[in-house]
C-alpha cells in the first residue's frame, strides 16, 4: 500500500508515514495531507550539542503547498480497507499494548516505522523480483514523470506534488520534459517481463 501511495499519489516518505485513517474520505475517495513524520534529533542533557539519538516527530508538511487533498485510485482504496482490517486485528492482539495514534502505516503494535523502513522494504521487493533499485522518493519521481508524459500541465503537477512553487517542479523535471525518448527507452529495457505466458 505504501508503494502505491508513492507511485499513484506522489507522496513523500514522511507524508506516507504521517497518514492517518482520519485523513481518508472513503466516500469521496480522497486523502488529505496534513502532516509528515520527520527525524527529531535527541540531545543528551549535559552533552552540549552532541546528538545522542534520533526520534520521530509529527510535524507540518514540507511546504504550505504540501497541505493538499488528493483523489485516490480505486486500487489504493481497496488496499486501505485491507490495512484498516489488519490494524483492527492488531489492536485486538496487542490489546492495551497497542499504541493507537490512528496511523495507516505502522508496526504491528501501532508504533511508527523508522524513516528507513519503507526504503528497506522496497529494496527487498526490488531485489527479490529482479527489478532495478528504487526508493520511495524514486516512486514520487516516477509519478511526476508519468504525469509529464501524459501531458498534464506543470502547474497541476506542482500542486499534486505539494511543491513550494511551479519553479521548483520545473527545476526538478525540465530534463525529463526534454528527454521523453530516453525515459521510454529506459522503461522498456528495465521493466521487461522475465517470462511471457500465454493468457
N, C-alpha and C. Protein backbone atom coordinates (compact mmCIF):
# COMPACT_ATOMS: atom_id res chain seq x y z
N UNK A 1 0.82 -1.18 0.00
CA UNK A 1 0.00 0.00 0.00
C UNK A 1 0.87 1.26 0.00
N UNK A 2 1.95 1.24 0.79
CA UNK A 2 2.85 2.40 0.82
C UNK A 2 3.45 2.66 -0.55
N UNK A 3 3.79 1.59 -1.27
CA UNK A 3 4.34 1.73 -2.63
C UNK A 3 3.30 2.38 -3.54
N UNK A 4 2.07 1.94 -3.44
CA UNK A 4 1.01 2.51 -4.26
C UNK A 4 0.81 4.00 -3.97
N UNK A 5 0.91 4.38 -2.70
CA UNK A 5 0.75 5.80 -2.34
C UNK A 5 1.88 6.65 -2.93
N UNK A 6 3.09 6.08 -3.01
CA UNK A 6 4.20 6.81 -3.63
C UNK A 6 4.05 6.89 -5.13
N UNK A 7 3.66 5.79 -5.74
CA UNK A 7 3.61 5.69 -7.20
C UNK A 7 2.37 6.33 -7.81
N UNK A 8 1.21 6.21 -7.16
CA UNK A 8 -0.03 6.72 -7.75
C UNK A 8 -0.53 8.02 -7.13
N UNK A 9 0.09 8.47 -6.03
CA UNK A 9 -0.30 9.75 -5.42
C UNK A 9 0.90 10.69 -5.29
N UNK A 10 2.11 10.17 -5.52
CA UNK A 10 3.30 11.02 -5.46
C UNK A 10 3.65 11.51 -4.06
N UNK A 11 3.27 10.75 -3.04
CA UNK A 11 3.52 11.20 -1.66
C UNK A 11 4.99 11.02 -1.28
N UNK A 12 5.46 11.94 -0.47
CA UNK A 12 6.78 11.82 0.13
C UNK A 12 6.74 10.73 1.21
N UNK A 13 7.91 10.20 1.53
CA UNK A 13 8.00 9.15 2.55
C UNK A 13 7.41 9.61 3.88
N UNK A 14 7.75 10.80 4.33
CA UNK A 14 7.23 11.32 5.59
C UNK A 14 5.73 11.52 5.57
N UNK A 15 5.20 11.87 4.38
CA UNK A 15 3.75 12.05 4.24
C UNK A 15 3.03 10.71 4.34
N UNK A 16 3.62 9.66 3.73
CA UNK A 16 3.03 8.32 3.82
C UNK A 16 2.99 7.88 5.28
N UNK A 17 4.13 8.04 5.97
CA UNK A 17 4.20 7.62 7.37
C UNK A 17 3.26 8.43 8.27
N UNK A 18 2.99 9.67 7.89
CA UNK A 18 2.13 10.54 8.70
C UNK A 18 0.64 10.39 8.43
N UNK A 19 0.27 9.61 7.43
CA UNK A 19 -1.16 9.46 7.12
C UNK A 19 -1.90 8.72 8.22
N UNK A 20 -3.09 9.20 8.51
CA UNK A 20 -3.95 8.56 9.50
C UNK A 20 -5.27 8.19 8.83
N UNK A 21 -5.95 7.21 9.40
CA UNK A 21 -7.24 6.81 8.84
C UNK A 21 -8.21 7.98 8.82
N UNK A 22 -8.07 8.91 9.74
CA UNK A 22 -8.95 10.08 9.78
C UNK A 22 -8.69 11.04 8.61
N UNK A 23 -7.60 10.85 7.90
CA UNK A 23 -7.29 11.69 6.72
C UNK A 23 -8.00 11.20 5.47
N UNK A 24 -8.63 10.04 5.55
CA UNK A 24 -9.29 9.44 4.39
C UNK A 24 -10.76 9.81 4.34
N UNK A 25 -11.23 10.05 3.14
CA UNK A 25 -12.66 10.17 2.91
C UNK A 25 -13.00 9.07 1.90
N UNK A 26 -13.45 7.92 2.41
CA UNK A 26 -13.69 6.76 1.56
C UNK A 26 -14.84 7.01 0.58
N UNK A 27 -15.79 7.84 0.98
CA UNK A 27 -16.92 8.13 0.10
C UNK A 27 -16.47 8.96 -1.10
N UNK A 28 -15.67 10.00 -0.84
CA UNK A 28 -15.18 10.85 -1.93
C UNK A 28 -13.92 10.29 -2.58
N UNK A 29 -13.34 9.25 -1.97
CA UNK A 29 -12.09 8.64 -2.45
C UNK A 29 -10.95 9.66 -2.51
N UNK A 30 -10.77 10.36 -1.37
CA UNK A 30 -9.69 11.34 -1.27
C UNK A 30 -8.88 11.10 0.00
N UNK A 31 -7.69 11.66 -0.01
CA UNK A 31 -6.84 11.66 1.17
C UNK A 31 -6.34 13.09 1.37
N UNK A 32 -6.35 13.53 2.61
CA UNK A 32 -5.88 14.88 2.93
C UNK A 32 -4.50 14.78 3.57
N UNK A 33 -3.55 15.51 3.00
CA UNK A 33 -2.18 15.54 3.53
C UNK A 33 -2.13 16.68 4.55
N UNK A 34 -1.97 16.30 5.83
CA UNK A 34 -1.99 17.28 6.92
C UNK A 34 -0.69 17.32 7.71
N UNK A 35 0.15 16.27 7.56
CA UNK A 35 1.34 16.16 8.41
C UNK A 35 2.36 15.27 7.73
N UNK A 36 3.54 15.27 8.30
CA UNK A 36 4.59 14.33 7.90
C UNK A 36 5.29 13.83 9.16
N UNK A 37 5.96 12.71 9.03
CA UNK A 37 6.80 12.20 10.10
C UNK A 37 8.24 12.54 9.73
N UNK A 38 8.95 13.13 10.65
CA UNK A 38 10.33 13.55 10.39
C UNK A 38 11.23 13.12 11.53
N UNK A 39 12.52 13.20 11.27
CA UNK A 39 13.52 12.85 12.28
C UNK A 39 13.62 13.96 13.32
N UNK A 40 13.77 13.56 14.56
CA UNK A 40 13.88 14.51 15.67
C UNK A 40 15.17 14.21 16.43
N UNK A 41 16.23 14.99 16.19
CA UNK A 41 17.49 14.72 16.89
C UNK A 41 17.35 14.92 18.40
N UNK A 42 17.75 13.92 19.17
CA UNK A 42 17.68 13.99 20.62
C UNK A 42 19.07 14.25 21.18
N UNK A 43 19.18 15.31 21.95
CA UNK A 43 20.47 15.70 22.52
C UNK A 43 20.48 15.35 24.00
N UNK A 44 21.47 14.58 24.40
CA UNK A 44 21.57 14.15 25.79
C UNK A 44 21.93 15.35 26.66
N UNK A 45 21.23 15.47 27.77
CA UNK A 45 21.45 16.60 28.67
C UNK A 45 22.90 16.61 29.16
N UNK A 46 23.50 17.77 29.10
CA UNK A 46 24.87 17.92 29.57
C UNK A 46 25.93 17.57 28.53
N UNK A 47 25.50 17.19 27.30
CA UNK A 47 26.48 16.80 26.28
C UNK A 47 26.75 17.92 25.29
N UNK A 48 26.28 19.13 25.59
CA UNK A 48 26.46 20.24 24.66
C UNK A 48 25.48 20.11 23.52
N UNK A 49 26.00 20.02 22.31
CA UNK A 49 25.12 19.89 21.14
C UNK A 49 25.27 18.53 20.47
N UNK A 50 25.86 17.56 21.18
CA UNK A 50 26.06 16.23 20.62
C UNK A 50 24.72 15.49 20.55
N UNK A 51 24.44 14.98 19.34
CA UNK A 51 23.20 14.23 19.13
C UNK A 51 23.38 12.82 19.66
N UNK A 52 22.52 12.45 20.58
CA UNK A 52 22.59 11.14 21.22
C UNK A 52 21.84 10.08 20.42
N UNK A 53 20.72 10.49 19.86
CA UNK A 53 19.86 9.54 19.15
C UNK A 53 18.89 10.34 18.29
N UNK A 54 18.16 9.62 17.45
CA UNK A 54 17.14 10.27 16.64
C UNK A 54 15.79 9.65 16.97
N UNK A 55 14.83 10.50 17.24
CA UNK A 55 13.47 10.04 17.44
C UNK A 55 12.64 10.43 16.23
N UNK A 56 11.35 10.22 16.31
CA UNK A 56 10.44 10.61 15.24
C UNK A 56 9.45 11.62 15.78
N UNK A 57 9.10 12.56 14.94
CA UNK A 57 8.18 13.62 15.36
C UNK A 57 7.17 13.88 14.24
N UNK A 58 5.96 14.21 14.65
CA UNK A 58 4.92 14.61 13.72
C UNK A 58 5.05 16.11 13.53
N UNK A 59 5.10 16.55 12.27
CA UNK A 59 5.16 17.99 12.01
C UNK A 59 4.37 18.33 10.76
N UNK A 60 4.23 19.62 10.50
CA UNK A 60 3.52 20.05 9.30
C UNK A 60 4.24 19.55 8.05
N UNK A 61 3.52 19.42 6.94
CA UNK A 61 4.17 19.02 5.69
C UNK A 61 5.28 20.00 5.31
N UNK A 62 6.07 19.61 4.32
CA UNK A 62 7.30 20.32 3.96
C UNK A 62 7.08 21.79 3.61
N UNK A 63 6.05 22.11 2.84
CA UNK A 63 5.78 23.49 2.44
C UNK A 63 4.29 23.79 2.68
N UNK A 64 3.91 25.06 2.71
CA UNK A 64 2.48 25.37 2.82
C UNK A 64 1.65 24.73 1.71
N UNK A 65 2.23 24.61 0.51
CA UNK A 65 1.51 23.98 -0.62
C UNK A 65 1.39 22.47 -0.45
N UNK A 66 2.13 21.91 0.51
CA UNK A 66 2.07 20.46 0.72
C UNK A 66 0.80 20.04 1.45
N UNK A 67 0.09 21.00 2.06
CA UNK A 67 -1.24 20.71 2.60
C UNK A 67 -2.15 20.59 1.38
N UNK A 68 -2.67 19.39 1.12
CA UNK A 68 -3.46 19.20 -0.09
C UNK A 68 -4.41 18.03 0.06
N UNK A 69 -5.41 18.01 -0.80
CA UNK A 69 -6.36 16.89 -0.86
C UNK A 69 -6.18 16.24 -2.23
N UNK A 70 -5.96 14.92 -2.22
CA UNK A 70 -5.71 14.19 -3.46
C UNK A 70 -6.78 13.12 -3.68
N UNK A 71 -7.15 12.94 -4.93
CA UNK A 71 -8.02 11.81 -5.27
C UNK A 71 -7.17 10.54 -5.21
N UNK A 72 -7.79 9.46 -4.76
CA UNK A 72 -7.07 8.21 -4.58
C UNK A 72 -7.67 7.16 -5.52
N UNK A 73 -6.81 6.49 -6.32
CA UNK A 73 -7.32 5.45 -7.22
C UNK A 73 -7.98 4.30 -6.45
N UNK A 74 -8.88 3.60 -7.13
CA UNK A 74 -9.65 2.51 -6.52
C UNK A 74 -8.75 1.44 -5.90
N UNK A 75 -7.62 1.12 -6.55
CA UNK A 75 -6.74 0.07 -6.01
C UNK A 75 -6.20 0.46 -4.63
N UNK A 76 -5.96 1.74 -4.42
CA UNK A 76 -5.46 2.18 -3.11
C UNK A 76 -6.59 2.13 -2.09
N UNK A 77 -7.79 2.49 -2.49
CA UNK A 77 -8.94 2.39 -1.58
C UNK A 77 -9.09 0.95 -1.10
N UNK A 78 -8.97 -0.01 -2.02
CA UNK A 78 -9.06 -1.43 -1.64
C UNK A 78 -7.97 -1.80 -0.64
N UNK A 79 -6.75 -1.36 -0.90
CA UNK A 79 -5.63 -1.68 -0.01
C UNK A 79 -5.79 -1.00 1.36
N UNK A 80 -6.35 0.20 1.36
CA UNK A 80 -6.58 0.90 2.62
C UNK A 80 -7.62 0.17 3.47
N UNK A 81 -8.63 -0.39 2.82
CA UNK A 81 -9.64 -1.17 3.55
C UNK A 81 -9.00 -2.42 4.15
N UNK A 82 -8.12 -3.08 3.39
CA UNK A 82 -7.40 -4.25 3.91
C UNK A 82 -6.53 -3.84 5.10
N UNK A 83 -5.86 -2.69 4.98
CA UNK A 83 -4.98 -2.22 6.05
C UNK A 83 -5.78 -1.90 7.29
N UNK A 84 -6.96 -1.30 7.11
CA UNK A 84 -7.81 -0.99 8.26
C UNK A 84 -8.18 -2.27 9.03
N UNK A 85 -8.53 -3.31 8.28
CA UNK A 85 -8.88 -4.59 8.91
C UNK A 85 -7.68 -5.18 9.65
N UNK A 86 -6.49 -5.08 9.05
CA UNK A 86 -5.27 -5.58 9.68
C UNK A 86 -4.97 -4.81 10.98
N UNK A 87 -5.10 -3.50 10.93
CA UNK A 87 -4.85 -2.67 12.12
C UNK A 87 -5.85 -3.02 13.22
N UNK A 88 -7.12 -3.17 12.86
CA UNK A 88 -8.13 -3.53 13.86
C UNK A 88 -7.81 -4.88 14.50
N UNK A 89 -7.34 -5.82 13.68
CA UNK A 89 -6.93 -7.13 14.20
C UNK A 89 -5.75 -7.01 15.15
N UNK A 90 -4.77 -6.18 14.78
CA UNK A 90 -3.60 -5.97 15.64
C UNK A 90 -3.97 -5.32 16.96
N UNK A 91 -4.96 -4.44 16.94
CA UNK A 91 -5.42 -3.80 18.18
C UNK A 91 -5.95 -4.84 19.15
N UNK A 92 -6.64 -5.84 18.62
CA UNK A 92 -7.18 -6.92 19.46
C UNK A 92 -6.04 -7.76 20.02
N UNK A 93 -5.08 -8.13 19.15
CA UNK A 93 -3.96 -8.98 19.56
C UNK A 93 -3.11 -8.28 20.62
N UNK A 94 -2.80 -7.01 20.41
CA UNK A 94 -1.92 -6.27 21.32
C UNK A 94 -2.68 -5.61 22.47
N UNK A 95 -3.99 -5.57 22.37
CA UNK A 95 -4.87 -5.04 23.42
C UNK A 95 -4.33 -3.74 24.00
N UNK A 96 -4.06 -3.70 25.28
CA UNK A 96 -3.60 -2.49 25.96
C UNK A 96 -2.20 -2.05 25.57
N UNK A 97 -1.46 -2.90 24.88
CA UNK A 97 -0.10 -2.57 24.46
C UNK A 97 -0.06 -1.87 23.10
N UNK A 98 -1.22 -1.78 22.44
CA UNK A 98 -1.26 -1.16 21.10
C UNK A 98 -1.20 0.35 21.24
N UNK A 99 -0.26 0.99 20.55
CA UNK A 99 -0.07 2.44 20.59
C UNK A 99 -0.95 3.07 19.50
N UNK A 100 -2.20 3.37 19.85
CA UNK A 100 -3.18 3.80 18.85
C UNK A 100 -3.10 5.31 18.59
N UNK A 101 -2.41 5.65 17.51
CA UNK A 101 -2.33 7.05 17.07
C UNK A 101 -3.03 7.21 15.72
N UNK A 102 -3.75 6.14 15.27
CA UNK A 102 -4.55 6.17 14.04
C UNK A 102 -3.71 6.11 12.76
N UNK A 103 -2.42 5.78 12.86
CA UNK A 103 -1.57 5.74 11.66
C UNK A 103 -1.95 4.57 10.75
N UNK A 104 -1.89 4.82 9.46
CA UNK A 104 -2.17 3.79 8.46
C UNK A 104 -0.95 2.89 8.29
N UNK A 105 0.22 3.50 8.26
CA UNK A 105 1.47 2.75 8.07
C UNK A 105 2.20 2.70 9.41
N UNK A 106 2.10 1.56 10.07
CA UNK A 106 2.72 1.43 11.39
C UNK A 106 3.13 -0.03 11.62
N UNK A 107 3.87 -0.23 12.70
CA UNK A 107 4.24 -1.58 13.09
C UNK A 107 3.01 -2.30 13.65
N UNK A 108 3.15 -3.59 13.89
CA UNK A 108 2.02 -4.39 14.40
C UNK A 108 1.48 -3.87 15.72
N UNK A 109 2.36 -3.22 16.53
CA UNK A 109 1.93 -2.70 17.82
C UNK A 109 1.47 -1.24 17.75
N UNK A 110 1.33 -0.71 16.52
CA UNK A 110 0.84 0.65 16.33
C UNK A 110 1.91 1.71 16.32
N UNK A 111 3.13 1.37 16.75
CA UNK A 111 4.22 2.36 16.76
C UNK A 111 4.67 2.67 15.33
N UNK A 112 5.22 3.85 15.16
CA UNK A 112 5.69 4.28 13.84
C UNK A 112 6.82 3.40 13.33
N UNK A 113 6.87 3.25 12.01
CA UNK A 113 8.03 2.63 11.37
C UNK A 113 9.19 3.63 11.45
N UNK A 114 10.41 3.15 11.38
CA UNK A 114 11.56 4.05 11.27
C UNK A 114 11.51 4.72 9.91
N UNK A 115 12.25 5.82 9.74
CA UNK A 115 12.27 6.52 8.46
C UNK A 115 12.90 5.68 7.35
N UNK A 116 13.72 4.71 7.73
CA UNK A 116 14.37 3.87 6.71
C UNK A 116 13.58 2.61 6.38
N UNK A 117 12.53 2.32 7.12
CA UNK A 117 11.79 1.05 6.96
C UNK A 117 11.17 0.89 5.58
N UNK A 118 10.56 1.95 5.05
CA UNK A 118 9.90 1.83 3.75
C UNK A 118 10.90 1.57 2.63
N UNK A 119 12.03 2.30 2.67
CA UNK A 119 13.05 2.08 1.64
C UNK A 119 13.67 0.69 1.76
N UNK A 120 13.86 0.21 2.98
CA UNK A 120 14.40 -1.14 3.18
C UNK A 120 13.46 -2.19 2.61
N UNK A 121 12.17 -2.03 2.87
CA UNK A 121 11.18 -2.98 2.35
C UNK A 121 11.14 -2.93 0.82
N UNK A 122 11.21 -1.74 0.26
CA UNK A 122 11.18 -1.57 -1.19
C UNK A 122 12.43 -2.17 -1.83
N UNK A 123 13.58 -2.00 -1.20
CA UNK A 123 14.82 -2.60 -1.70
C UNK A 123 14.69 -4.11 -1.75
N UNK A 124 14.12 -4.70 -0.70
CA UNK A 124 13.92 -6.15 -0.65
C UNK A 124 12.99 -6.63 -1.76
N UNK A 125 11.92 -5.90 -2.00
CA UNK A 125 10.97 -6.28 -3.05
C UNK A 125 11.64 -6.22 -4.42
N UNK A 126 12.38 -5.13 -4.66
CA UNK A 126 13.08 -4.98 -5.95
C UNK A 126 14.09 -6.10 -6.16
N UNK A 127 14.87 -6.39 -5.13
CA UNK A 127 15.90 -7.43 -5.21
C UNK A 127 15.26 -8.80 -5.47
N UNK A 128 14.23 -9.10 -4.73
CA UNK A 128 13.55 -10.40 -4.85
C UNK A 128 12.95 -10.61 -6.24
N UNK A 129 12.51 -9.53 -6.87
CA UNK A 129 11.84 -9.63 -8.16
C UNK A 129 12.71 -9.23 -9.35
N UNK A 130 14.01 -9.02 -9.10
CA UNK A 130 14.94 -8.70 -10.19
C UNK A 130 14.70 -7.34 -10.82
N UNK A 131 14.17 -6.40 -10.03
CA UNK A 131 13.92 -5.05 -10.53
C UNK A 131 15.05 -4.11 -10.14
N UNK A 132 15.24 -3.04 -10.89
CA UNK A 132 16.26 -2.05 -10.51
C UNK A 132 15.94 -1.45 -9.14
N UNK A 133 16.98 -1.07 -8.40
CA UNK A 133 16.81 -0.46 -7.07
C UNK A 133 16.04 0.86 -7.22
N UNK A 134 15.08 1.07 -6.35
CA UNK A 134 14.33 2.33 -6.34
C UNK A 134 13.97 2.66 -4.90
N UNK A 135 13.84 3.93 -4.62
CA UNK A 135 13.47 4.40 -3.28
C UNK A 135 12.03 4.91 -3.32
N UNK A 136 11.48 5.21 -2.17
CA UNK A 136 10.14 5.79 -2.11
C UNK A 136 10.13 7.13 -2.85
N UNK A 137 11.21 7.89 -2.70
CA UNK A 137 11.28 9.17 -3.42
C UNK A 137 11.36 8.92 -4.93
N UNK A 138 11.98 7.81 -5.33
CA UNK A 138 12.01 7.44 -6.74
C UNK A 138 10.62 7.16 -7.28
N UNK A 139 9.74 6.58 -6.45
CA UNK A 139 8.35 6.35 -6.85
C UNK A 139 7.65 7.68 -7.12
N UNK A 140 7.96 8.66 -6.27
CA UNK A 140 7.39 10.00 -6.44
C UNK A 140 7.84 10.61 -7.77
N UNK A 141 9.12 10.41 -8.11
CA UNK A 141 9.63 10.90 -9.39
C UNK A 141 8.97 10.17 -10.56
N UNK A 142 8.74 8.88 -10.41
CA UNK A 142 8.05 8.12 -11.46
C UNK A 142 6.64 8.67 -11.67
N UNK A 143 5.95 8.98 -10.58
CA UNK A 143 4.61 9.55 -10.65
C UNK A 143 4.63 10.85 -11.45
N UNK A 144 5.56 11.73 -11.12
CA UNK A 144 5.66 13.02 -11.82
C UNK A 144 6.01 12.81 -13.30
N UNK A 145 6.91 11.88 -13.56
CA UNK A 145 7.33 11.61 -14.94
C UNK A 145 6.16 11.09 -15.77
N UNK A 146 5.36 10.21 -15.19
CA UNK A 146 4.18 9.68 -15.89
C UNK A 146 3.22 10.83 -16.21
N UNK A 147 3.02 11.73 -15.26
CA UNK A 147 2.12 12.86 -15.50
C UNK A 147 2.66 13.76 -16.61
N UNK A 148 3.98 13.99 -16.62
CA UNK A 148 4.59 14.80 -17.68
C UNK A 148 4.38 14.14 -19.03
N UNK A 149 4.61 12.84 -19.09
CA UNK A 149 4.45 12.11 -20.35
C UNK A 149 3.00 12.11 -20.82
N UNK A 150 2.06 12.21 -19.88
CA UNK A 150 0.64 12.26 -20.24
C UNK A 150 0.19 13.67 -20.64
N UNK A 151 1.11 14.63 -20.54
CA UNK A 151 0.79 15.99 -20.94
C UNK A 151 0.07 16.81 -19.90
N UNK A 152 0.12 16.38 -18.62
CA UNK A 152 -0.52 17.15 -17.55
C UNK A 152 0.25 18.45 -17.37
N UNK A 153 -0.44 19.59 -17.29
CA UNK A 153 0.25 20.87 -17.14
C UNK A 153 1.14 20.90 -15.88
N UNK A 154 2.28 21.57 -16.01
CA UNK A 154 3.26 21.63 -14.93
C UNK A 154 2.68 22.23 -13.65
N UNK A 155 1.80 23.21 -13.79
CA UNK A 155 1.21 23.84 -12.60
C UNK A 155 0.36 22.83 -11.81
N UNK A 156 -0.31 21.92 -12.52
CA UNK A 156 -1.12 20.90 -11.85
C UNK A 156 -0.21 19.86 -11.19
N UNK A 157 0.86 19.47 -11.88
CA UNK A 157 1.82 18.52 -11.31
C UNK A 157 2.42 19.09 -10.04
N UNK A 158 2.76 20.36 -10.08
CA UNK A 158 3.33 21.04 -8.91
C UNK A 158 2.37 20.98 -7.73
N UNK A 159 1.08 21.23 -7.99
CA UNK A 159 0.06 21.19 -6.93
C UNK A 159 -0.10 19.78 -6.38
N UNK A 160 -0.12 18.78 -7.27
CA UNK A 160 -0.27 17.39 -6.83
C UNK A 160 0.91 16.93 -5.97
N UNK A 161 2.12 17.40 -6.32
CA UNK A 161 3.32 17.02 -5.56
C UNK A 161 3.48 17.82 -4.28
N UNK A 162 2.77 18.94 -4.18
CA UNK A 162 2.89 19.78 -2.98
C UNK A 162 4.17 20.58 -2.97
N UNK A 163 4.68 20.91 -4.17
CA UNK A 163 5.90 21.71 -4.24
C UNK A 163 5.62 23.15 -3.81
N UNK A 164 6.66 23.82 -3.33
CA UNK A 164 6.53 25.20 -2.88
C UNK A 164 6.15 26.15 -4.00
N UNK A 165 6.59 25.83 -5.23
CA UNK A 165 6.28 26.67 -6.39
C UNK A 165 6.40 25.84 -7.66
N UNK A 166 5.84 26.37 -8.74
CA UNK A 166 5.96 25.71 -10.05
C UNK A 166 7.43 25.72 -10.47
N UNK A 167 8.17 26.76 -10.06
CA UNK A 167 9.59 26.85 -10.39
C UNK A 167 10.35 25.63 -9.86
N UNK A 168 10.02 25.20 -8.63
CA UNK A 168 10.66 24.01 -8.05
C UNK A 168 10.39 22.79 -8.92
N UNK A 169 9.14 22.62 -9.34
CA UNK A 169 8.77 21.49 -10.18
C UNK A 169 9.52 21.55 -11.50
N UNK A 170 9.61 22.74 -12.09
CA UNK A 170 10.32 22.90 -13.36
C UNK A 170 11.79 22.52 -13.21
N UNK A 171 12.42 22.98 -12.12
CA UNK A 171 13.84 22.67 -11.89
C UNK A 171 14.08 21.16 -11.80
N UNK A 172 13.18 20.46 -11.10
CA UNK A 172 13.33 19.01 -10.95
C UNK A 172 13.09 18.26 -12.26
N UNK A 173 12.13 18.73 -13.05
CA UNK A 173 11.66 17.91 -14.16
C UNK A 173 11.87 18.50 -15.55
N UNK A 174 12.61 19.62 -15.67
CA UNK A 174 12.82 20.18 -17.01
C UNK A 174 13.59 19.20 -17.89
N UNK A 175 14.56 18.49 -17.32
CA UNK A 175 15.30 17.49 -18.10
C UNK A 175 14.39 16.38 -18.57
N UNK A 176 13.46 15.97 -17.70
CA UNK A 176 12.51 14.91 -18.05
C UNK A 176 11.68 15.34 -19.24
N UNK A 177 11.23 16.59 -19.23
CA UNK A 177 10.39 17.08 -20.31
C UNK A 177 11.13 17.08 -21.63
N UNK A 178 12.45 17.27 -21.59
CA UNK A 178 13.26 17.29 -22.80
C UNK A 178 13.70 15.90 -23.23
N UNK A 179 13.57 14.90 -22.36
CA UNK A 179 14.14 13.60 -22.66
C UNK A 179 13.14 12.46 -22.58
N UNK A 180 11.94 12.68 -23.07
CA UNK A 180 10.92 11.63 -23.03
C UNK A 180 11.37 10.35 -23.72
N UNK A 181 12.10 10.48 -24.83
CA UNK A 181 12.55 9.29 -25.56
C UNK A 181 13.50 8.45 -24.72
N UNK A 182 14.42 9.10 -24.00
CA UNK A 182 15.36 8.37 -23.14
C UNK A 182 14.63 7.65 -22.01
N UNK A 183 13.62 8.29 -21.45
CA UNK A 183 12.84 7.69 -20.37
C UNK A 183 12.11 6.45 -20.88
N UNK A 184 11.47 6.59 -22.04
CA UNK A 184 10.74 5.45 -22.61
C UNK A 184 11.69 4.29 -22.91
N UNK A 185 12.87 4.60 -23.42
CA UNK A 185 13.85 3.53 -23.71
C UNK A 185 14.27 2.83 -22.43
N UNK A 186 14.53 3.62 -21.37
CA UNK A 186 14.92 3.02 -20.09
C UNK A 186 13.82 2.12 -19.54
N UNK A 187 12.58 2.63 -19.56
CA UNK A 187 11.46 1.85 -19.04
C UNK A 187 11.28 0.55 -19.83
N UNK A 188 11.42 0.64 -21.15
CA UNK A 188 11.26 -0.55 -21.98
C UNK A 188 12.36 -1.58 -21.75
N UNK A 189 13.57 -1.11 -21.43
CA UNK A 189 14.68 -2.03 -21.18
C UNK A 189 14.67 -2.56 -19.75
N UNK A 190 14.35 -1.72 -18.79
CA UNK A 190 14.47 -2.10 -17.37
C UNK A 190 13.30 -2.96 -16.89
N UNK A 191 12.13 -2.76 -17.46
CA UNK A 191 10.96 -3.46 -16.95
C UNK A 191 10.38 -4.44 -17.96
N UNK A 192 11.25 -5.30 -18.47
CA UNK A 192 10.84 -6.35 -19.41
C UNK A 192 10.50 -7.59 -18.58
N UNK A 193 9.34 -8.22 -18.85
CA UNK A 193 9.00 -9.44 -18.11
C UNK A 193 10.05 -10.52 -18.32
N UNK A 194 10.36 -11.26 -17.28
CA UNK A 194 11.33 -12.34 -17.36
C UNK A 194 10.80 -13.44 -18.23
N UNK A 195 9.51 -13.70 -18.13
CA UNK A 195 8.90 -14.80 -18.87
C UNK A 195 7.51 -14.38 -19.31
N UNK A 196 7.19 -14.68 -20.54
CA UNK A 196 5.84 -14.37 -21.03
C UNK A 196 5.06 -15.66 -21.11
N UNK A 197 3.86 -15.63 -20.59
CA UNK A 197 3.00 -16.81 -20.66
C UNK A 197 1.76 -16.48 -21.47
N UNK A 198 1.29 -17.44 -22.21
CA UNK A 198 0.07 -17.25 -22.98
C UNK A 198 -1.10 -17.11 -22.02
N UNK A 199 -1.96 -16.17 -22.30
CA UNK A 199 -3.11 -15.92 -21.44
C UNK A 199 -4.38 -16.38 -22.12
